Protein backbone atom coordinates (compact mmCIF):
# COMPACT_ATOMS: atom_id res chain seq x y z
CA MET A 1 0.11 -0.36 0.03
CA THR A 2 1.37 3.26 -0.79
CA ALA A 3 1.49 6.02 1.83
CA ALA A 4 -0.96 7.96 0.14
CA ARG A 5 -3.26 5.12 0.13
CA GLU A 6 -2.27 4.20 3.74
CA GLY A 7 -2.90 8.55 4.61
CA THR A 8 -6.50 8.00 3.03
CA ARG A 9 -7.33 5.10 4.81
CA LEU A 10 -6.27 5.97 8.26
CA SER A 11 -8.01 9.62 7.55
CA ARG A 12 -11.58 7.96 7.11
CA ASN A 13 -13.70 7.28 10.26
CA ALA A 14 -13.08 3.42 11.27
CA GLY A 15 -16.45 3.71 13.20
CA LEU A 16 -18.56 4.87 9.59
CA ASP A 17 -16.32 2.49 8.09
CA LEU A 18 -17.37 -0.55 10.27
CA LEU A 19 -21.22 0.78 9.96
CA ARG A 20 -20.98 0.59 6.41
CA ALA A 21 -19.55 -3.13 6.44
CA LEU A 22 -22.57 -3.84 8.71
CA ALA A 23 -24.80 -2.59 6.51
CA ILE A 24 -23.81 -4.38 3.21
CA VAL A 25 -23.61 -7.71 5.17
CA LEU A 26 -27.03 -7.10 6.37
CA THR A 27 -27.96 -6.54 2.94
CA PHE A 28 -26.24 -9.44 1.32
CA PHE A 29 -28.25 -11.57 3.55
CA VAL A 30 -31.71 -10.69 2.27
CA HIS A 31 -31.19 -12.34 -0.84
CA PHE A 32 -28.90 -15.13 0.40
CA VAL A 33 -31.53 -16.37 2.87
CA TRP A 34 -34.11 -15.67 0.65
CA VAL A 35 -32.60 -18.22 -1.82
CA MET A 36 -31.75 -20.41 1.10
CA GLY A 37 -35.40 -20.48 2.41
CA GLY A 38 -37.09 -21.71 -0.88
CA TRP A 39 -34.47 -24.47 -1.06
CA LEU A 40 -34.13 -25.71 2.55
CA TYR A 41 -37.79 -24.77 3.89
CA GLN A 42 -39.44 -24.25 0.68
CA ARG A 43 -41.56 -21.19 2.22
CA ASP A 44 -41.14 -17.63 1.53
CA PHE A 45 -39.41 -15.60 3.95
CA GLU A 46 -40.25 -12.76 3.12
CA MET A 47 -43.42 -13.52 3.79
CA LEU A 48 -42.96 -15.09 7.22
CA ALA A 49 -42.33 -13.50 11.07
CA VAL A 50 -39.98 -15.32 12.99
CA ARG A 51 -42.78 -16.42 15.63
CA GLU A 52 -44.06 -18.45 12.73
CA ALA A 53 -40.84 -20.81 12.27
CA ASN A 54 -40.91 -24.62 12.80
CA SER A 55 -37.22 -24.77 14.44
CA LEU A 56 -34.57 -22.83 15.78
CA ALA A 57 -32.77 -22.60 12.84
CA GLU A 58 -35.67 -22.05 10.51
CA GLY A 59 -36.11 -18.74 13.23
CA VAL A 60 -32.73 -17.54 12.64
CA LEU A 61 -32.62 -17.88 8.94
CA ILE A 62 -36.32 -15.93 9.02
CA TRP A 63 -35.00 -13.19 11.28
CA LEU A 64 -32.00 -12.86 8.61
CA ALA A 65 -34.25 -12.62 5.85
CA HIS A 66 -35.47 -9.17 7.97
CA SER A 67 -32.29 -8.00 7.40
CA GLN A 68 -33.69 -5.07 4.94
CA HIS A 69 -32.24 -2.86 7.79
CA GLY A 70 -29.09 -2.89 6.15
CA VAL A 71 -30.20 -0.87 3.90
CA PHE A 72 -31.75 1.67 5.93
CA LEU A 73 -28.52 2.03 7.80
CA PHE A 74 -26.88 2.85 4.43
CA PHE A 75 -29.70 5.82 4.30
CA VAL A 76 -28.85 6.89 7.59
CA LEU A 77 -25.37 6.82 7.09
CA SER A 78 -26.19 8.70 4.08
CA GLY A 79 -28.01 11.69 5.70
CA TYR A 80 -24.88 12.04 8.17
CA LEU A 81 -22.39 12.49 5.15
CA MET A 82 -24.44 14.78 2.71
CA GLY A 83 -25.97 16.67 5.79
CA ARG A 84 -22.23 17.09 6.80
CA LYS A 85 -21.28 18.54 3.50
CA TRP A 86 -24.20 20.97 3.33
CA PHE A 87 -24.54 22.27 6.98
CA ALA A 88 -21.06 22.58 7.36
CA ASN A 89 -19.64 23.75 3.97
CA ALA A 90 -20.45 27.35 3.09
CA ASP A 91 -18.76 27.10 -0.58
CA LEU A 92 -20.40 23.83 -1.63
CA SER A 93 -22.75 24.37 -4.71
CA ALA A 94 -25.98 22.25 -5.99
CA ALA A 95 -24.19 21.83 -9.35
CA ARG A 96 -20.93 20.63 -7.58
CA PHE A 97 -22.62 18.27 -5.32
CA PHE A 98 -24.91 16.35 -8.35
CA ARG A 99 -21.75 16.28 -10.22
CA ASP A 100 -19.78 14.33 -7.74
CA ARG A 101 -22.69 12.25 -6.81
CA ALA A 102 -23.32 11.48 -10.43
CA PHE A 103 -19.72 10.42 -10.86
CA ARG A 104 -19.52 8.37 -7.75
CA THR A 105 -22.86 6.80 -8.00
CA LEU A 106 -23.81 6.38 -11.65
CA PRO A 107 -21.20 4.41 -13.75
CA GLY A 108 -21.27 1.43 -11.52
CA ALA A 109 -25.31 1.64 -11.51
CA TRP A 110 -25.33 2.03 -15.17
CA LEU A 111 -23.08 -0.97 -15.65
CA ALA A 112 -25.07 -3.48 -13.73
CA VAL A 113 -28.40 -2.60 -14.87
CA LEU A 114 -26.77 -3.36 -18.32
CA CYS A 115 -25.63 -6.50 -16.97
CA ALA A 116 -29.20 -7.36 -15.90
CA LEU A 117 -30.50 -6.50 -19.09
CA LEU A 118 -28.04 -9.02 -20.34
CA PHE A 119 -28.94 -11.79 -17.63
CA LEU A 120 -32.63 -11.43 -19.09
CA ALA A 121 -31.03 -12.10 -22.48
CA GLY A 122 -28.88 -15.29 -21.39
CA SER A 123 -32.09 -16.41 -19.74
CA ALA A 124 -34.59 -16.24 -22.29
CA HIS A 125 -35.93 -13.35 -20.90
CA TRP A 126 -35.17 -10.94 -23.20
CA PRO A 127 -38.15 -7.58 -22.90
CA ALA A 128 -39.79 -6.58 -25.81
CA ASP A 129 -38.31 -2.80 -25.42
CA PRO A 130 -34.97 -3.29 -23.71
CA ILE A 131 -33.79 0.21 -24.81
CA ALA A 132 -36.74 1.72 -22.98
CA ARG A 133 -36.33 -0.14 -20.24
CA TYR A 134 -32.66 0.36 -19.69
CA LEU A 135 -33.14 4.03 -19.48
CA GLU A 136 -36.02 3.92 -17.02
CA ASN A 137 -33.65 1.87 -15.04
CA ALA A 138 -30.52 3.83 -15.50
CA PHE A 139 -32.15 7.04 -14.53
CA PHE A 140 -34.43 5.21 -11.65
CA LEU A 141 -37.61 6.34 -13.40
CA ASN A 142 -39.38 2.88 -12.31
CA TRP A 143 -39.24 4.25 -8.92
CA PHE A 144 -42.45 5.83 -9.56
CA ARG A 145 -44.26 2.51 -10.88
CA LYS A 146 -46.86 0.96 -8.72
CA ASP A 147 -45.09 -2.35 -9.03
CA ASP A 148 -41.72 -3.31 -9.35
CA SER A 149 -41.75 -5.90 -12.40
CA ARG A 150 -40.20 -3.06 -14.76
CA ALA A 151 -36.71 -3.29 -12.79
CA LEU A 152 -33.82 -4.52 -14.02
CA LEU A 153 -31.76 -4.97 -10.97
CA VAL A 154 -34.07 -4.98 -7.92
CA VAL A 155 -31.34 -3.52 -5.44
CA THR A 156 -31.17 -0.23 -7.54
CA TRP A 157 -34.33 0.59 -5.43
CA SER A 158 -32.30 2.32 -3.21
CA LEU A 159 -30.48 4.71 -5.44
CA HIS A 160 -34.13 5.92 -6.71
CA ALA A 161 -34.41 6.61 -2.65
CA GLU A 162 -30.93 7.99 -2.69
CA TRP A 163 -30.93 10.03 -5.49
CA LEU A 164 -34.65 12.02 -4.67
CA PHE A 165 -32.65 12.78 -1.07
CA TYR A 166 -29.79 14.15 -3.22
CA LEU A 167 -32.10 16.09 -5.45
CA SER A 168 -33.97 17.91 -2.32
CA LEU A 169 -31.10 18.23 0.20
CA PRO A 170 -29.97 21.48 -1.14
CA LEU A 171 -33.47 22.68 -0.84
CA ILE A 172 -34.10 21.70 2.85
CA ALA A 173 -30.76 22.75 4.21
CA ALA A 174 -31.36 26.24 2.60
CA CYS A 175 -34.84 26.13 4.25
CA ALA A 176 -33.68 24.94 7.73
CA GLN A 177 -30.62 27.50 7.41
CA ARG A 178 -32.50 30.51 6.55
CA PHE A 179 -36.34 29.85 8.67
CA ALA A 180 -34.40 27.96 11.65
CA LYS A 181 -31.09 29.62 11.55
CA SER A 182 -30.54 28.76 15.52
CA ARG A 183 -31.89 25.56 15.63
CA PRO A 184 -31.24 24.11 11.94
CA ALA A 185 -31.89 20.37 13.34
CA LEU A 186 -35.32 21.40 14.22
CA GLY A 187 -35.87 22.80 11.02
CA VAL A 188 -34.66 19.46 9.04
CA LEU A 189 -37.00 17.66 11.89
CA LEU A 190 -40.15 19.47 10.57
CA ILE A 191 -39.27 19.40 7.00
CA ALA A 192 -38.64 15.64 7.13
CA LEU A 193 -42.26 15.14 9.07
CA ALA A 194 -44.27 17.20 6.42
CA ILE A 195 -42.42 15.22 3.80
CA CYS A 196 -43.44 11.64 5.58
CA VAL A 197 -46.82 12.88 6.08
CA ALA A 198 -47.34 14.14 2.76
CA LEU A 199 -45.76 10.50 1.08
CA LYS A 200 -47.71 8.51 3.45
CA PHE A 201 -51.09 10.62 2.09
CA LEU A 202 -50.02 9.98 -1.01
CA SER A 203 -49.70 6.12 -0.91
CA LEU A 204 -46.43 6.27 -2.05
CA ARG A 205 -43.13 4.38 -1.24
CA GLY A 206 -40.92 6.55 1.04
CA ALA A 207 -41.93 8.04 4.21
CA ALA A 208 -39.99 5.98 6.36
CA TYR A 209 -37.20 6.53 4.07
CA ALA A 210 -37.35 10.25 4.69
CA TRP A 211 -37.28 9.44 8.17
CA PHE A 212 -33.95 7.95 7.72
CA PHE A 213 -32.05 10.53 5.85
CA ALA A 214 -33.44 13.00 8.22
CA VAL A 215 -31.77 10.94 11.50
CA GLY A 216 -28.51 11.36 9.42
CA VAL A 217 -28.79 15.06 9.09
CA ILE A 218 -29.84 15.61 11.99
CA VAL A 219 -26.71 13.74 13.72
CA ALA A 220 -24.33 15.67 11.44
CA ILE A 221 -25.48 18.65 12.65
CA ARG A 222 -26.18 18.16 16.15
CA ARG A 223 -22.65 15.35 16.78
CA ASN A 224 -20.64 17.42 18.86
CA ASP A 225 -23.36 18.58 21.13
CA TRP A 226 -24.19 15.39 21.79
CA ARG A 227 -21.04 13.80 22.07
CA ALA A 228 -21.16 13.81 26.08
CA HIS A 229 -24.08 12.24 25.95
CA ILE A 230 -23.51 9.31 23.81
CA LYS A 231 -20.22 8.80 25.76
CA ARG A 232 -22.40 7.99 29.04
CA ILE A 233 -24.30 5.12 27.22
CA PRO A 234 -22.93 2.00 27.39
CA TRP A 235 -22.20 -0.17 24.69
CA PRO A 236 -24.49 -2.92 25.61
CA VAL A 237 -27.27 -0.40 26.08
CA ILE A 238 -26.64 0.75 21.99
CA PHE A 239 -26.28 -2.82 20.85
CA ILE A 240 -29.37 -4.10 22.71
CA SER A 241 -31.29 -1.43 21.49
CA TYR A 242 -30.49 -2.14 18.29
CA VAL A 243 -31.01 -5.86 18.13
CA GLY A 244 -34.11 -5.60 20.19
CA VAL A 245 -35.99 -3.23 17.83
CA ASN A 246 -35.27 -5.44 14.79
CA PHE A 247 -36.04 -8.28 16.45
CA THR A 248 -39.28 -7.16 18.01
CA TYR A 249 -40.46 -6.12 14.55
CA ALA A 250 -38.99 -9.72 13.00
CA TRP A 251 -41.05 -11.24 15.55
CA PHE A 252 -44.55 -10.02 15.13
CA SER A 253 -44.09 -8.86 11.19
CA ALA A 254 -43.17 -10.27 8.02
CA SER A 255 -40.86 -8.55 6.11
CA ALA A 256 -42.46 -7.99 2.55
CA ALA A 257 -42.72 -4.50 1.25
CA ARG A 258 -46.08 -5.24 -0.23
CA LEU A 259 -47.48 -5.89 3.30
CA GLN A 260 -47.01 -2.27 4.20
CA THR A 261 -50.05 0.12 3.42
CA ALA A 262 -50.78 3.67 3.11
CA PHE A 263 -52.19 3.65 6.64
CA TRP A 264 -50.26 3.40 10.19
CA ASN A 265 -49.13 -0.01 10.25
CA PRO A 266 -46.33 -1.82 12.36
CA PHE A 267 -43.57 -1.00 9.85
CA ASP A 268 -44.31 2.75 10.87
CA THR A 269 -43.62 1.88 14.63
CA HIS A 270 -40.19 0.07 14.04
CA ALA A 271 -39.17 2.54 11.81
CA ILE A 272 -39.45 5.44 14.25
CA LEU A 273 -37.66 3.30 16.52
CA PHE A 274 -35.44 2.03 14.29
CA GLY A 275 -34.32 5.82 13.22
CA LEU A 276 -33.95 6.52 16.85
CA THR A 277 -31.77 3.37 17.53
CA ALA A 278 -29.80 3.90 14.63
CA GLY A 279 -29.15 7.47 15.04
CA ALA A 280 -27.83 6.34 18.74
CA LEU A 281 -25.54 3.61 17.06
CA LEU A 282 -24.27 5.84 14.52
CA LEU A 283 -23.11 9.14 17.48
CA LYS A 284 -21.70 6.03 19.44
CA LEU A 285 -19.49 5.08 16.35
CA LEU A 286 -18.40 8.05 15.14
CA HIS A 287 -16.62 8.91 18.17
CA ALA A 288 -15.42 5.23 18.74
CA GLU A 289 -11.92 4.32 18.63
CA PHE A 290 -10.93 0.91 17.47
CA ALA A 291 -7.24 -1.15 17.37
CA ASP A 292 -5.74 -1.86 14.11
CA ALA A 293 -6.91 -5.33 14.66
CA LEU A 294 -7.56 -8.06 11.69
CA TRP A 295 -11.57 -7.77 11.99
CA VAL A 296 -11.19 -3.87 12.12
CA ARG A 297 -9.25 -4.47 8.90
CA THR A 298 -11.40 -6.44 7.21
CA GLY A 299 -14.44 -4.82 8.14
CA ARG A 300 -12.53 -1.50 6.89
CA TYR A 301 -11.93 -3.49 3.53
CA VAL A 302 -15.52 -4.61 3.03
CA ALA A 303 -16.56 -1.25 3.81
CA GLN A 304 -14.26 0.34 1.06
CA ILE A 305 -16.26 -2.20 -1.72
CA SER A 306 -19.29 -2.30 0.03
CA TYR A 307 -20.94 0.11 -3.44
CA SER A 308 -19.88 -2.62 -5.60
CA ILE A 309 -20.93 -5.40 -3.32
CA TYR A 310 -24.46 -4.01 -3.05
CA LEU A 311 -24.58 -3.42 -6.84
CA TRP A 312 -23.24 -7.06 -8.06
CA HIS A 313 -24.28 -9.47 -4.57
CA LEU A 314 -27.77 -10.15 -6.10
CA LEU A 315 -26.77 -10.56 -9.87
CA VAL A 316 -24.22 -13.32 -8.66
CA ILE A 317 -26.78 -14.82 -6.68
CA LEU A 318 -29.18 -15.42 -9.68
CA ALA A 319 -26.29 -16.33 -12.29
CA VAL A 320 -25.34 -19.04 -9.88
CA GLY A 321 -28.60 -20.46 -9.80
CA ARG A 322 -29.90 -20.08 -13.29
CA TRP A 323 -26.52 -21.24 -14.60
CA MET A 324 -25.26 -23.48 -12.18
CA GLN A 325 -28.48 -24.37 -10.87
CA TRP A 326 -27.05 -24.35 -7.41
CA PRO A 327 -27.79 -25.13 -4.74
CA GLN A 328 -30.49 -27.70 -6.12
CA SER A 329 -28.11 -29.59 -7.83
CA LEU A 330 -25.64 -29.90 -4.65
CA GLU A 331 -28.45 -32.13 -3.30
CA THR A 332 -26.67 -35.17 -3.95
CA PHE A 333 -23.98 -34.35 -2.04
CA GLY A 334 -26.44 -34.00 1.21
CA ALA A 335 -27.86 -30.54 2.63
CA PRO A 336 -24.67 -30.14 4.83
CA ILE A 337 -22.06 -30.11 1.85
CA ALA A 338 -24.46 -27.85 -0.10
CA VAL A 339 -24.92 -25.24 1.81
CA ILE A 340 -21.09 -24.93 2.25
CA VAL A 341 -19.98 -24.97 -1.47
CA TYR A 342 -23.24 -23.00 -2.39
CA THR A 343 -21.85 -20.06 0.65
CA SER A 344 -18.43 -20.31 -0.45
CA ALA A 345 -19.10 -19.99 -4.14
CA VAL A 346 -21.44 -16.88 -3.90
CA LEU A 347 -19.36 -15.05 -1.37
CA PHE A 348 -16.01 -15.91 -3.09
CA LEU A 349 -17.38 -14.78 -6.26
CA THR A 350 -19.28 -11.69 -5.23
CA TRP A 351 -16.29 -10.76 -3.60
CA LEU A 352 -14.77 -11.24 -7.01
CA VAL A 353 -16.71 -9.30 -9.17
CA SER A 354 -17.08 -6.62 -6.48
CA ALA A 355 -13.33 -6.17 -6.15
CA LEU A 356 -13.11 -5.89 -9.82
CA SER A 357 -15.70 -2.93 -9.88
CA PHE A 358 -14.14 -1.49 -7.50
CA ALA A 359 -10.70 -1.13 -9.07
CA LEU A 360 -12.21 -0.31 -12.85
CA ILE A 361 -14.85 2.34 -11.78
CA GLU A 362 -14.53 2.76 -8.22
CA ARG A 363 -10.95 3.53 -7.22
CA PRO A 364 -10.52 6.00 -10.65
CA TYR A 365 -13.35 8.23 -9.04
CA PHE A 366 -11.62 8.49 -5.58
CA GLU A 367 -8.09 9.32 -7.28
CA ARG A 368 -9.23 11.71 -9.43
CA LYS A 369 -11.38 13.17 -6.51
CA ARG A 370 -8.02 13.99 -4.41
CA THR A 371 -6.21 15.23 -7.37
CA THR A 372 -9.28 18.05 -8.19
């Protein structure tokens, strides 16, 4: 590792890197466990609560299938990072901000969506209007459809939410700073609540997502004020609160997004509590100190390539299932061996594709940004 790269690694916040690593691991579990549930138990874990499990092992897998809160962690983290830019940098312009976000997020997403389209072709599911489908997905316009049947790569739904957040943040920051100069965090909270109410009233997706982003922005504004308070809270309290909120929701409710209604539902209660516990976890990690241990270095590496992992892991899982017929074709070796072989193959291929994607697409972005 060169001195410049070593310096960049050390300048990054280790706590935020570990939060990214946790988020991507949880997100990976959502799709991996969905496949395992259909194969091992012939049940759709997305439609089940943990209390409906027939065994302890199945209950653990159903709980892991609820790991979409990994994406919610990304939303909170994104709110913090982008909020820090807009509330701590008076010279930041909207044009510069959008240009940076476009170079950061779009090239990898466009390539992944193109590969998803080609995957359909290789699976004999070539759409009748491939160019229109690609453009619609590449610019996240399919977010506004009521179903996701036209989604070429399902995981890009979070990028739709991210970009709506990017587009609205300069206006939100301007309003909060102008009309709530002494308490901009309160201004952000009120604006976010108004957006959440409007989205629920319009029966659109994303009311909870606006709340998650807002939590991150508020943490960015008040992080120094709350530093002493969060230090007094023991780590076990933070950990138990976070796990408890997510396990309670998983115990009583299925995770399927289609079960969420326009009116108040269990997910809304869960979203409020999750936002609070995720915000506390973010604050705690911001000011935590970590030794240069192997598990920390591993977590920081996973965090470094987390965006590429997010874009490619589902395509890897689908390709292994479609072209190699795994894990079903491994049943002749027995379930334990089949699980080990399938898991090892998916993990290795996900890492390989993600590492290549990072090296070819993301690293040039970071190197260009360091020189400008």
